[in-house]
Amino acid sequence: MKKVGIIGCGGIAQVHGWVLQGMKNAELAAVCDVERDRAEALSKRYGAGTARVHTDWQELCNSDVDVVHICTPHFLHAPMAAELLRHGKAVFMEKP
């Protein structure tokens, strides 16, 4: 079972959460957004309320997640991906 985190809990994160919810080999373990309410809503909707909620994306670098989906504005993708990769995380993003 892969533990998955999502950074950025806006519109596209809803699609990622929905897809993850239907996967047997993945669980949404952590969500992150600068707006805590959005992260909490995504955790509740797709992580059964058990996905940990963060407001600082760098906390996912040292967490137990295996994969991080980056669902933030495009200009943040490259620096976030580079840092997560340095910490041994697999990264999924739609556009670099």
C-alpha atoms as a PDB file:
ATOM      1  CA  MET A   1       0.000   0.000   0.000  1.00  0.00           C
ATOM      2  CA  LYS A   2       1.439   3.354  -1.052  1.00  0.00           C
ATOM      3  CA  LYS A   3       0.850   6.341   1.196  1.00  0.00           C
ATOM      4  CA  VAL A   4       0.029   9.412  -0.859  1.00  0.00           C
ATOM      5  CA  GLY A   5       0.124  13.108  -0.028  1.00  0.00           C
ATOM      6  CA  ILE A   6      -1.468  15.954  -1.947  1.00  0.00           C
ATOM      7  CA  ILE A   7      -0.101  19.494  -1.882  1.00  0.00           C
ATOM      8  CA  GLY A   8      -2.671  22.077  -2.957  1.00  0.00           C
ATOM      9  CA  CYS A   9      -6.290  21.244  -2.185  1.00  0.00           C
ATOM     10  CA  GLY A  10      -8.106  23.321  -4.794  1.00  0.00           C
ATOM     11  CA  GLY A  11     -10.044  22.208  -7.850  1.00  0.00           C
ATOM     12  CA  ILE A  12      -7.668  19.727  -9.494  1.00  0.00           C
ATOM     13  CA  ALA A  13      -6.906  18.075  -6.134  1.00  0.00           C
ATOM     14  CA  GLN A  14     -10.540  16.945  -6.060  1.00  0.00           C
ATOM     15  CA  VAL A  15      -9.902  14.871  -9.181  1.00  0.00           C
ATOM     16  CA  HIS A  16      -6.709  13.402  -7.705  1.00  0.00           C
ATOM     17  CA  GLY A  17      -8.507  12.569  -4.459  1.00  0.00           C
ATOM     18  CA  TRP A  18     -11.382  10.932  -6.290  1.00  0.00           C
ATOM     19  CA  VAL A  19      -9.020   8.767  -8.354  1.00  0.00           C
ATOM     20  CA  LEU A  20      -6.946   7.790  -5.306  1.00  0.00           C
ATOM     21  CA  GLN A  21     -10.108   6.836  -3.446  1.00  0.00           C
ATOM     22  CA  GLY A  22     -10.786   4.149  -6.038  1.00  0.00           C
ATOM     23  CA  MET A  23      -7.282   2.647  -5.999  1.00  0.00           C
ATOM     24  CA  LYS A  24      -6.708  -0.495  -3.960  1.00  0.00           C
ATOM     25  CA  ASN A  25      -2.942   0.002  -3.627  1.00  0.00           C
ATOM     26  CA  ALA A  26      -2.962   3.634  -2.481  1.00  0.00           C
ATOM     27  CA  GLU A  27      -4.296   5.588   0.462  1.00  0.00           C
ATOM     28  CA  LEU A  28      -4.518   9.329   0.940  1.00  0.00           C
ATOM     29  CA  ALA A  29      -2.342   9.781   4.011  1.00  0.00           C
ATOM     30  CA  ALA A  30      -1.637  13.530   4.041  1.00  0.00           C
ATOM     31  CA  VAL A  31      -2.990  16.724   2.525  1.00  0.00           C
ATOM     32  CA  CYS A  32      -1.537  20.208   2.531  1.00  0.00           C
ATOM     33  CA  ASP A  33      -2.834  23.662   1.659  1.00  0.00           C
ATOM     34  CA  VAL A  34      -2.070  27.164   2.895  1.00  0.00           C
ATOM     35  CA  GLU A  35      -5.781  27.373   3.693  1.00  0.00           C
ATOM     36  CA  ARG A  36      -6.300  24.814   6.461  1.00  0.00           C
ATOM     37  CA  ASP A  37     -10.060  24.612   5.813  1.00  0.00           C
ATOM     38  CA  ARG A  38      -9.467  23.393   2.260  1.00  0.00           C
ATOM     39  CA  ALA A  39      -7.006  20.757   3.448  1.00  0.00           C
ATOM     40  CA  GLU A  40      -9.415  19.572   6.132  1.00  0.00           C
ATOM     41  CA  ALA A  41     -12.239  19.320   3.591  1.00  0.00           C
ATOM     42  CA  LEU A  42     -10.101  17.226   1.223  1.00  0.00           C
ATOM     43  CA  SER A  43      -9.031  14.961   4.085  1.00  0.00           C
ATOM     44  CA  LYS A  44     -12.631  14.433   5.104  1.00  0.00           C
ATOM     45  CA  ARG A  45     -13.926  13.860   1.583  1.00  0.00           C
ATOM     46  CA  TYR A  46     -11.223  11.570   0.167  1.00  0.00           C
ATOM     47  CA  GLY A  47      -9.115  10.491   3.131  1.00  0.00           C
ATOM     48  CA  ALA A  48     -11.979   9.377   5.381  1.00  0.00           C
ATOM     49  CA  GLY A  49     -10.947  12.174   7.724  1.00  0.00           C
ATOM     50  CA  THR A  50      -7.770  10.274   8.625  1.00  0.00           C
ATOM     51  CA  ALA A  51      -5.402  11.942   6.156  1.00  0.00           C
ATOM     52  CA  ARG A  52      -3.111  14.230   8.164  1.00  0.00           C
ATOM     53  CA  VAL A  53      -3.632  17.928   7.500  1.00  0.00           C
ATOM     54  CA  HIS A  54      -0.682  20.281   6.943  1.00  0.00           C
ATOM     55  CA  THR A  55      -0.336  23.935   6.019  1.00  0.00           C
ATOM     56  CA  ASP A  56       3.428  23.766   5.318  1.00  0.00           C
ATOM     57  CA  TRP A  57       4.247  21.571   2.315  1.00  0.00           C
ATOM     58  CA  GLN A  58       7.806  20.968   3.513  1.00  0.00           C
ATOM     59  CA  GLU A  59       6.433  18.863   6.364  1.00  0.00           C
ATOM     60  CA  LEU A  60       5.690  16.189   3.751  1.00  0.00           C
ATOM     61  CA  CYS A  61       9.423  15.931   2.975  1.00  0.00           C
ATOM     62  CA  ASN A  62      10.082  14.170   6.281  1.00  0.00           C
ATOM     63  CA  SER A  63       6.743  12.383   6.567  1.00  0.00           C
ATOM     64  CA  ASP A  64       5.968   8.724   5.892  1.00  0.00           C
ATOM     65  CA  VAL A  65       4.298   9.363   2.519  1.00  0.00           C
ATOM     66  CA  ASP A  66       5.710   7.500  -0.467  1.00  0.00           C
ATOM     67  CA  VAL A  67       4.255   9.663  -3.237  1.00  0.00           C
ATOM     68  CA  VAL A  68       3.277  13.335  -3.370  1.00  0.00           C
ATOM     69  CA  HIS A  69       0.842  14.783  -5.887  1.00  0.00           C
ATOM     70  CA  ILE A  70       1.617  18.444  -6.539  1.00  0.00           C
ATOM     71  CA  CYS A  71      -1.627  20.286  -7.305  1.00  0.00           C
ATOM     72  CA  THR A  72      -0.413  23.836  -6.800  1.00  0.00           C
ATOM     73  CA  PRO A  73       0.006  26.688  -9.294  1.00  0.00           C
ATOM     74  CA  HIS A  74       2.513  25.716 -12.005  1.00  0.00           C
ATOM     75  CA  PHE A  75       5.299  28.076 -10.936  1.00  0.00           C
ATOM     76  CA  LEU A  76       5.598  26.126  -7.662  1.00  0.00           C
ATOM     77  CA  HIS A  77       5.901  22.690  -9.279  1.00  0.00           C
ATOM     78  CA  ALA A  78       9.632  22.592 -10.030  1.00  0.00           C
ATOM     79  CA  PRO A  79      10.948  23.827  -6.652  1.00  0.00           C
ATOM     80  CA  MET A  80       8.538  21.605  -4.725  1.00  0.00           C
ATOM     81  CA  ALA A  81       9.304  18.564  -6.869  1.00  0.00           C
ATOM     82  CA  ALA A  82      13.062  19.057  -6.544  1.00  0.00           C
ATOM     83  CA  GLU A  83      12.885  19.272  -2.761  1.00  0.00           C
ATOM     84  CA  LEU A  84      10.569  16.266  -2.438  1.00  0.00           C
ATOM     85  CA  LEU A  85      12.805  14.201  -4.727  1.00  0.00           C
ATOM     86  CA  ARG A  86      15.838  15.130  -2.604  1.00  0.00           C
ATOM     87  CA  HIS A  87      13.945  13.594   0.324  1.00  0.00           C
ATOM     88  CA  GLY A  88      13.293  10.361  -1.566  1.00  0.00           C
ATOM     89  CA  LYS A  89       9.633  10.955  -2.390  1.00  0.00           C
ATOM     90  CA  ALA A  90       8.083   9.985  -5.691  1.00  0.00           C
ATOM     91  CA  VAL A  91       6.370  12.983  -7.276  1.00  0.00           C
ATOM     92  CA  PHE A  92       3.306  13.185  -9.517  1.00  0.00           C
ATOM     93  CA  MET A  93       2.361  16.426 -11.234  1.00  0.00           C
ATOM     94  CA  GLU A  94       0.438  17.285 -14.335  1.00  0.00           C
ATOM     95  CA  LYS A  95       2.699  20.010 -15.704  1.00  0.00           C
ATOM     96  CA  PRO A  96       6.237  21.033 -14.756  1.00  0.00           C
END
